[in-house]
C-alpha atoms as a PDB file:
ATOM      1  CA  MET A   1      40.540 -10.618   1.395  1.00  0.00           C
ATOM      2  CA  GLY A   2      38.665 -10.031  -1.754  1.00  0.00           C
ATOM      3  CA  ARG A   3      35.263  -9.348   0.011  1.00  0.00           C
ATOM      4  CA  TYR A   4      36.939  -7.127   2.523  1.00  0.00           C
ATOM      5  CA  LEU A   5      38.233  -4.993  -0.348  1.00  0.00           C
ATOM      6  CA  ILE A   6      35.120  -4.962  -2.083  1.00  0.00           C
ATOM      7  CA  SER A   7      33.211  -3.852   1.093  1.00  0.00           C
ATOM      8  CA  PHE A   8      35.755  -1.219   1.800  1.00  0.00           C
ATOM      9  CA  VAL A   9      35.573   0.319  -1.822  1.00  0.00           C
ATOM     10  CA  ALA A  10      31.768   0.248  -1.451  1.00  0.00           C
ATOM     11  CA  LEU A  11      31.651   2.065   1.896  1.00  0.00           C
ATOM     12  CA  VAL A  12      34.125   4.869   0.315  1.00  0.00           C
ATOM     13  CA  LEU A  13      31.825   5.338  -2.907  1.00  0.00           C
ATOM     14  CA  LEU A  14      28.943   5.580  -0.574  1.00  0.00           C
ATOM     15  CA  ALA A  15      30.871   8.307   1.554  1.00  0.00           C
ATOM     16  CA  LEU A  16      31.817  10.088  -1.466  1.00  0.00           C
ATOM     17  CA  VAL A  17      28.369  10.416  -3.013  1.00  0.00           C
ATOM     18  CA  GLY A  18      26.923  11.693   0.217  1.00  0.00           C
ATOM     19  CA  ALA A  19      24.868   8.998   1.259  1.00  0.00           C
ATOM     20  CA  THR A  20      22.792   9.478   4.476  1.00  0.00           C
ATOM     21  CA  PRO A  21      21.819   6.588   6.984  1.00  0.00           C
ATOM     22  CA  LEU A  22      18.404   4.995   6.547  1.00  0.00           C
ATOM     23  CA  MET A  23      15.613   6.623   8.665  1.00  0.00           C
ATOM     24  CA  ALA A  24      12.472   4.955   9.873  1.00  0.00           C
ATOM     25  CA  ALA A  25       9.223   5.609   8.216  1.00  0.00           C
ATOM     26  CA  LYS A  26       6.680   7.632  10.123  1.00  0.00           C
ATOM     27  CA  PHE A  27       3.259   6.751   9.702  1.00  0.00           C
ATOM     28  CA  LYS A  28       0.040   8.239  10.985  1.00  0.00           C
ATOM     29  CA  HIS A  29      -3.460   6.429  11.492  1.00  0.00           C
ATOM     30  CA  LEU A  30      -6.089   8.296   9.626  1.00  0.00           C
ATOM     31  CA  ASN A  31      -8.908   6.154   9.395  1.00  0.00           C
ATOM     32  CA  THR A  32     -10.053   2.437   9.885  1.00  0.00           C
ATOM     33  CA  LEU A  33     -12.076   1.040   7.007  1.00  0.00           C
ATOM     34  CA  TYR A  34     -14.818  -1.417   7.780  1.00  0.00           C
ATOM     35  CA  GLY A  35     -17.191  -0.987   4.739  1.00  0.00           C
ATOM     36  CA  ASP A  36     -17.888   0.835   1.474  1.00  0.00           C
ATOM     37  CA  GLY A  37     -19.765   4.301   1.143  1.00  0.00           C
ATOM     38  CA  ALA A  38     -23.176   2.715   1.301  1.00  0.00           C
ATOM     39  CA  GLY A  39     -22.057   0.888   4.774  1.00  0.00           C
ATOM     40  CA  LYS A  40     -21.793  -2.549   3.485  1.00  0.00           C
ATOM     41  CA  MET A  41     -19.280  -4.235   5.698  1.00  0.00           C
ATOM     42  CA  LEU A  42     -16.061  -5.561   4.205  1.00  0.00           C
ATOM     43  CA  LYS A  43     -16.041  -9.377   4.064  1.00  0.00           C
ATOM     44  CA  ALA A  44     -12.384 -11.049   3.776  1.00  0.00           C
ATOM     45  CA  PRO A  45     -10.522  -8.235   2.519  1.00  0.00           C
ATOM     46  CA  GLU A  46      -7.239  -9.783   1.037  1.00  0.00           C
ATOM     47  CA  GLY A  47      -5.460  -7.201  -1.161  1.00  0.00           C
ATOM     48  CA  VAL A  48      -4.929  -3.542  -1.088  1.00  0.00           C
ATOM     49  CA  ALA A  49      -3.199  -1.484  -3.825  1.00  0.00           C
ATOM     50  CA  CYS A  50      -2.605   2.464  -3.576  1.00  0.00           C
ATOM     51  CA  SER A  51      -1.155   5.555  -5.361  1.00  0.00           C
ATOM     52  CA  SER A  52      -0.866   8.916  -3.905  1.00  0.00           C
ATOM     53  CA  THR A  53      -4.598   9.583  -4.236  1.00  0.00           C
ATOM     54  CA  THR A  54      -6.290   6.188  -4.497  1.00  0.00           C
ATOM     55  CA  LEU A  55      -6.837   3.186  -2.254  1.00  0.00           C
ATOM     56  CA  VAL A  56      -8.296   0.138  -3.489  1.00  0.00           C
ATOM     57  CA  VAL A  57      -9.351  -2.959  -1.310  1.00  0.00           C
ATOM     58  CA  ALA A  58     -10.138  -6.343  -2.705  1.00  0.00           C
ATOM     59  CA  ASP A  59     -12.994  -7.526  -0.837  1.00  0.00           C
ATOM     60  CA  SER A  60     -12.942 -11.239  -1.912  1.00  0.00           C
ATOM     61  CA  GLY A  61     -15.894 -12.241   0.345  1.00  0.00           C
ATOM     62  CA  ASN A  62     -18.292  -9.957  -1.310  1.00  0.00           C
ATOM     63  CA  GLU A  63     -16.732 -10.403  -5.051  1.00  0.00           C
ATOM     64  CA  ARG A  64     -15.773  -6.760  -5.346  1.00  0.00           C
ATOM     65  CA  LEU A  65     -13.108  -3.793  -5.251  1.00  0.00           C
ATOM     66  CA  VAL A  66     -13.877  -0.965  -3.139  1.00  0.00           C
ATOM     67  CA  ARG A  67     -12.059   2.328  -4.227  1.00  0.00           C
ATOM     68  CA  TYR A  68     -11.223   5.081  -1.633  1.00  0.00           C
ATOM     69  CA  GLN A  69      -9.849   8.409  -2.358  1.00  0.00           C
ATOM     70  CA  ILE A  70      -6.923   9.562  -0.189  1.00  0.00           C
ATOM     71  CA  THR A  71      -7.237  13.350   0.924  1.00  0.00           C
ATOM     72  CA  GLU A  72      -5.622  15.617   3.336  1.00  0.00           C
ATOM     73  CA  GLN A  73      -8.317  15.278   5.429  1.00  0.00           C
ATOM     74  CA  GLY A  74      -8.375  11.401   5.492  1.00  0.00           C
ATOM     75  CA  ILE A  75      -9.840   8.637   3.416  1.00  0.00           C
ATOM     76  CA  LYS A  76     -13.074   9.250   1.703  1.00  0.00           C
ATOM     77  CA  GLY A  77     -15.543   7.507  -0.551  1.00  0.00           C
ATOM     78  CA  GLY A  78     -15.802   3.615  -0.877  1.00  0.00           C
ATOM     79  CA  THR A  79     -17.131   3.173  -4.584  1.00  0.00           C
ATOM     80  CA  VAL A  80     -17.734  -0.400  -5.312  1.00  0.00           C
ATOM     81  CA  ILE A  81     -16.395  -1.989  -8.336  1.00  0.00           C
ATOM     82  CA  PRO A  82     -18.192  -5.352  -8.563  1.00  0.00           C
ATOM     83  CA  LEU A  83     -16.375  -8.329  -9.773  1.00  0.00           C
ATOM     84  CA  THR A  84     -19.166 -11.156  -9.776  1.00  0.00           C
ATOM     85  CA  GLY A  85     -17.791 -14.352 -11.401  1.00  0.00           C
ATOM     86  CA  ARG A  86     -14.229 -12.509 -12.019  1.00  0.00           C
ATOM     87  CA  VAL A  87     -12.650 -12.333  -8.488  1.00  0.00           C
ATOM     88  CA  PRO A  88      -8.963 -12.379  -8.934  1.00  0.00           C
ATOM     89  CA  LEU A  89      -6.881 -14.932  -6.932  1.00  0.00           C
ATOM     90  CA  VAL A  90      -3.952 -12.553  -6.819  1.00  0.00           C
ATOM     91  CA  THR A  91      -4.031  -8.598  -7.020  1.00  0.00           C
ATOM     92  CA  GLN A  92      -1.271  -6.486  -8.216  1.00  0.00           C
END
């Protein structure tokens, strides 16, 4: 009985706050990335990090990070950040 009361109270509070139902996110394919700006192919890319303007790929097979710029026209660049001898096991 206690769980049902808690659920009911939570639903009432959500209704009072004006919560809207969840909506599915829509994604649009912009580019497929196979390499850096100089044309060297990615080898064993294992991690990705991004902000609103930057995408960074951990290219572990080549011991480097590759940084791309996100623009309204798509993804540009492919600046290499070498990590020789310092390849991270986990990227965050």
